[in-house]
Structure formats: structure tokens, C-alpha cells
Amino acid sequence: MDQLHKRFTAEQVKALLKGYCQGVLDRSAIEEILEVGKTRFFALLREYRQNPDGFSLYYQRTTPTRLPASAEKEIEKEPMREKDLIDDSTLPITTYNYSAIRDRLAKQGVVVALSTIIDRAKSLGC
């Protein structure tokens, strides 16, 4: 399922919400058309009622889509550190502890998802 703003124009959604406000359209019918749940419907309705003329489906992303180069370097360094422990035959460590890597990175100020750490580690051969 695509994003709402990719499937409908703001004018189409406005028309549906206006119909709901006028009592012409049923909530469940609009939810089915837009393929959204009750919570998302009421969030859209609230935005529409606050500013019917300025209603828009578009938004500005608030978080960056890419990690900074310094964070990437730190993410690469930690799995290699873990790999050294696994390769040491005198230690009983045989698997990677990605959650521990994430915690160490968080202490350094690098907050990243566990799946990102796993992907980076696998690309490095860890």
C-alpha cells in the first residue's frame, strides 16, 4: 500500500472530509476509500477542520535520511572490534552481540537502529 499522498490528491481527500463534515458521507466508507484506519481518519479530519483551505497531505521530513559520515565510521568500527573477540580462540565468545554494539554506540552519542547495525556488520563480513 502506497502512502496516502501518493494515492490521492489533497483536493480529493478534502472533498471526502467535507462530505463527512456535512453529514453526506459515512466515516467507514471514507476509511475504506482512503484505506486508512479510524485513528488516521480522525487525525486527517482534525487537520482539515483546523485549516480547510490550507489542508495538505504533504509534509516535511523531520529526521535526516542518511547517517553522518562520523556515525558510519563508528558503526563500522564496533563490529570489527566484536569480530576480534570472536576470532580470539582463548575467549568463549562465538556470536555477535548486536544489542551490545548498539548500546556502546549510544554511549558515544550515535543512536541507530539495530537493523542498521546488523546490515553494516554483514556488509563488512562480520
C-alpha atoms as a PDB file:
ATOM      1  CA  MET A   1       0.000   0.000   0.000  1.00  0.00           C
ATOM      2  CA  ASP A   2       1.396   3.390  -1.041  1.00  0.00           C
ATOM      3  CA  GLN A   3       1.447   6.488   1.061  1.00  0.00           C
ATOM      4  CA  LEU A   4      -1.827   8.427   1.191  1.00  0.00           C
ATOM      5  CA  HIS A   5      -0.320  11.475  -0.539  1.00  0.00           C
ATOM      6  CA  LYS A   6       0.817   9.249  -3.407  1.00  0.00           C
ATOM      7  CA  ARG A   7      -2.613   7.693  -3.950  1.00  0.00           C
ATOM      8  CA  PHE A   8      -4.819  10.776  -3.607  1.00  0.00           C
ATOM      9  CA  THR A   9      -4.554  14.489  -4.166  1.00  0.00           C
ATOM     10  CA  ALA A  10      -5.251  16.865  -1.318  1.00  0.00           C
ATOM     11  CA  GLU A  11      -8.367  18.046  -3.152  1.00  0.00           C
ATOM     12  CA  GLN A  12      -9.775  14.511  -3.305  1.00  0.00           C
ATOM     13  CA  VAL A  13      -9.247  13.994   0.420  1.00  0.00           C
ATOM     14  CA  LYS A  14     -10.696  17.453   1.139  1.00  0.00           C
ATOM     15  CA  ALA A  15     -13.842  16.537  -0.791  1.00  0.00           C
ATOM     16  CA  LEU A  16     -14.276  13.347   1.220  1.00  0.00           C
ATOM     17  CA  LEU A  17     -13.711  15.095   4.548  1.00  0.00           C
ATOM     18  CA  LYS A  18     -16.055  17.928   3.569  1.00  0.00           C
ATOM     19  CA  GLY A  19     -18.712  15.322   2.753  1.00  0.00           C
ATOM     20  CA  TYR A  20     -18.212  13.787   6.194  1.00  0.00           C
ATOM     21  CA  CYS A  21     -18.496  17.171   7.924  1.00  0.00           C
ATOM     22  CA  GLN A  22     -21.721  17.908   6.045  1.00  0.00           C
ATOM     23  CA  GLY A  23     -23.131  14.500   7.005  1.00  0.00           C
ATOM     24  CA  VAL A  24     -23.295  13.240   3.431  1.00  0.00           C
ATOM     25  CA  LEU A  25     -20.601  10.563   3.727  1.00  0.00           C
ATOM     26  CA  ASP A  26     -20.125   7.877   6.344  1.00  0.00           C
ATOM     27  CA  ARG A  27     -16.820   7.572   8.238  1.00  0.00           C
ATOM     28  CA  SER A  28     -16.406   3.875   7.473  1.00  0.00           C
ATOM     29  CA  ALA A  29     -16.943   4.495   3.759  1.00  0.00           C
ATOM     30  CA  ILE A  30     -14.243   7.178   3.711  1.00  0.00           C
ATOM     31  CA  GLU A  31     -11.875   4.930   5.659  1.00  0.00           C
ATOM     32  CA  GLU A  32     -12.436   2.199   3.087  1.00  0.00           C
ATOM     33  CA  ILE A  33     -11.860   4.549   0.152  1.00  0.00           C
ATOM     34  CA  LEU A  34      -8.699   6.034   1.655  1.00  0.00           C
ATOM     35  CA  GLU A  35      -7.592   2.658   3.032  1.00  0.00           C
ATOM     36  CA  VAL A  36      -6.877   4.161   6.464  1.00  0.00           C
ATOM     37  CA  GLY A  37      -7.902   3.219   9.967  1.00  0.00           C
ATOM     38  CA  LYS A  38     -10.077   5.117  12.395  1.00  0.00           C
ATOM     39  CA  THR A  39      -7.143   6.837  14.139  1.00  0.00           C
ATOM     40  CA  ARG A  40      -5.629   8.096  10.884  1.00  0.00           C
ATOM     41  CA  PHE A  41      -9.053   9.234   9.673  1.00  0.00           C
ATOM     42  CA  PHE A  42      -9.615  11.376  12.744  1.00  0.00           C
ATOM     43  CA  ALA A  43      -6.094  12.788  12.527  1.00  0.00           C
ATOM     44  CA  LEU A  44      -6.820  13.872   8.939  1.00  0.00           C
ATOM     45  CA  LEU A  45     -10.204  15.252   9.983  1.00  0.00           C
ATOM     46  CA  ARG A  46      -8.609  17.301  12.765  1.00  0.00           C
ATOM     47  CA  GLU A  47      -6.067  18.787  10.351  1.00  0.00           C
ATOM     48  CA  TYR A  48      -8.824  19.540   7.856  1.00  0.00           C
ATOM     49  CA  ARG A  49     -11.042  21.244  10.443  1.00  0.00           C
ATOM     50  CA  GLN A  50      -8.156  23.403  11.718  1.00  0.00           C
ATOM     51  CA  ASN A  51      -7.463  24.823   8.276  1.00  0.00           C
ATOM     52  CA  PRO A  52      -9.793  23.646   5.478  1.00  0.00           C
ATOM     53  CA  ASP A  53      -8.283  25.966   2.866  1.00  0.00           C
ATOM     54  CA  GLY A  54      -4.672  25.162   3.733  1.00  0.00           C
ATOM     55  CA  PHE A  55      -5.180  21.401   4.158  1.00  0.00           C
ATOM     56  CA  SER A  56      -2.358  19.412   2.610  1.00  0.00           C
ATOM     57  CA  LEU A  57      -1.203  15.802   2.605  1.00  0.00           C
ATOM     58  CA  TYR A  58       2.426  16.733   2.128  1.00  0.00           C
ATOM     59  CA  TYR A  59       4.868  17.010   4.986  1.00  0.00           C
ATOM     60  CA  GLN A  60       8.495  17.873   5.568  1.00  0.00           C
ATOM     61  CA  ARG A  61      10.581  15.006   6.894  1.00  0.00           C
ATOM     62  CA  THR A  62      11.975  15.965  10.302  1.00  0.00           C
ATOM     63  CA  THR A  63      14.679  13.331  10.573  1.00  0.00           C
ATOM     64  CA  PRO A  64      17.615  13.009   8.208  1.00  0.00           C
ATOM     65  CA  THR A  65      17.504  10.086   5.794  1.00  0.00           C
ATOM     66  CA  ARG A  66      21.244   9.400   5.919  1.00  0.00           C
ATOM     67  CA  LEU A  67      23.638   8.909   8.806  1.00  0.00           C
ATOM     68  CA  PRO A  68      26.554  11.328   9.091  1.00  0.00           C
ATOM     69  CA  ALA A  69      29.950  10.025   7.939  1.00  0.00           C
ATOM     70  CA  SER A  70      31.266  10.113  11.513  1.00  0.00           C
ATOM     71  CA  ALA A  71      28.419   7.849  12.656  1.00  0.00           C
ATOM     72  CA  GLU A  72      29.095   5.461   9.775  1.00  0.00           C
ATOM     73  CA  LYS A  73      32.740   5.179  10.838  1.00  0.00           C
ATOM     74  CA  GLU A  74      31.752   4.410  14.413  1.00  0.00           C
ATOM     75  CA  ILE A  75      29.252   1.804  13.237  1.00  0.00           C
ATOM     76  CA  GLU A  76      31.964   0.136  11.150  1.00  0.00           C
ATOM     77  CA  LYS A  77      34.476   0.195  13.990  1.00  0.00           C
ATOM     78  CA  GLU A  78      32.319  -1.554  16.606  1.00  0.00           C
ATOM     79  CA  PRO A  79      31.519  -4.791  14.686  1.00  0.00           C
ATOM     80  CA  MET A  80      35.190  -5.124  13.781  1.00  0.00           C
ATOM     81  CA  ARG A  81      36.008  -4.839  17.477  1.00  0.00           C
ATOM     82  CA  GLU A  82      33.497  -7.592  18.171  1.00  0.00           C
ATOM     83  CA  LYS A  83      34.967  -9.683  15.337  1.00  0.00           C
ATOM     84  CA  ASP A  84      38.376  -9.537  17.022  1.00  0.00           C
ATOM     85  CA  LEU A  85      36.833 -11.003  20.180  1.00  0.00           C
ATOM     86  CA  ILE A  86      35.143 -13.807  18.248  1.00  0.00           C
ATOM     87  CA  ASP A  87      38.327 -14.639  16.339  1.00  0.00           C
ATOM     88  CA  ASP A  88      40.301 -14.912  19.598  1.00  0.00           C
ATOM     89  CA  SER A  89      40.317 -18.641  20.327  1.00  0.00           C
ATOM     90  CA  THR A  90      41.122 -18.089  24.014  1.00  0.00           C
ATOM     91  CA  LEU A  91      37.727 -16.424  24.610  1.00  0.00           C
ATOM     92  CA  PRO A  92      34.433 -18.359  24.732  1.00  0.00           C
ATOM     93  CA  ILE A  93      32.637 -15.789  22.523  1.00  0.00           C
ATOM     94  CA  THR A  94      31.251 -17.311  19.325  1.00  0.00           C
ATOM     95  CA  THR A  95      28.490 -14.928  18.166  1.00  0.00           C
ATOM     96  CA  TYR A  96      27.944 -11.230  17.680  1.00  0.00           C
ATOM     97  CA  ASN A  97      26.002  -9.279  20.267  1.00  0.00           C
ATOM     98  CA  TYR A  98      24.422  -6.569  18.126  1.00  0.00           C
ATOM     99  CA  SER A  99      22.450  -5.139  21.051  1.00  0.00           C
ATOM    100  CA  ALA A 100      25.680  -4.596  22.964  1.00  0.00           C
ATOM    101  CA  ILE A 101      27.125  -2.844  19.922  1.00  0.00           C
ATOM    102  CA  ARG A 102      24.053  -0.612  19.768  1.00  0.00           C
ATOM    103  CA  ASP A 103      24.424   0.216  23.481  1.00  0.00           C
ATOM    104  CA  ARG A 104      28.117   1.073  23.059  1.00  0.00           C
ATOM    105  CA  LEU A 105      27.278   3.308  20.114  1.00  0.00           C
ATOM    106  CA  ALA A 106      24.529   5.024  22.108  1.00  0.00           C
ATOM    107  CA  LYS A 107      27.053   5.853  24.841  1.00  0.00           C
ATOM    108  CA  GLN A 108      29.162   7.512  22.145  1.00  0.00           C
ATOM    109  CA  GLY A 109      26.147   9.549  21.027  1.00  0.00           C
ATOM    110  CA  VAL A 110      25.369   7.502  17.910  1.00  0.00           C
ATOM    111  CA  VAL A 111      21.726   6.443  18.065  1.00  0.00           C
ATOM    112  CA  VAL A 112      20.964   3.944  15.330  1.00  0.00           C
ATOM    113  CA  ALA A 113      18.526   1.090  14.746  1.00  0.00           C
ATOM    114  CA  LEU A 114      19.607  -2.460  15.447  1.00  0.00           C
ATOM    115  CA  SER A 115      18.764  -3.479  11.875  1.00  0.00           C
ATOM    116  CA  THR A 116      21.210  -0.843  10.591  1.00  0.00           C
ATOM    117  CA  ILE A 117      23.986  -2.261  12.746  1.00  0.00           C
ATOM    118  CA  ILE A 118      23.257  -5.792  11.535  1.00  0.00           C
ATOM    119  CA  ASP A 119      23.229  -4.678   7.882  1.00  0.00           C
ATOM    120  CA  ARG A 120      26.533  -2.817   8.242  1.00  0.00           C
ATOM    121  CA  ALA A 121      28.132  -5.753  10.082  1.00  0.00           C
ATOM    122  CA  LYS A 122      27.071  -8.213   7.399  1.00  0.00           C
ATOM    123  CA  SER A 123      28.379  -5.947   4.641  1.00  0.00           C
ATOM    124  CA  LEU A 124      31.734  -5.901   6.448  1.00  0.00           C
ATOM    125  CA  GLY A 125      31.774  -9.682   6.633  1.00  0.00           C
ATOM    126  CA  CYS A 126      31.157  -9.848  10.350  1.00  0.00           C
END
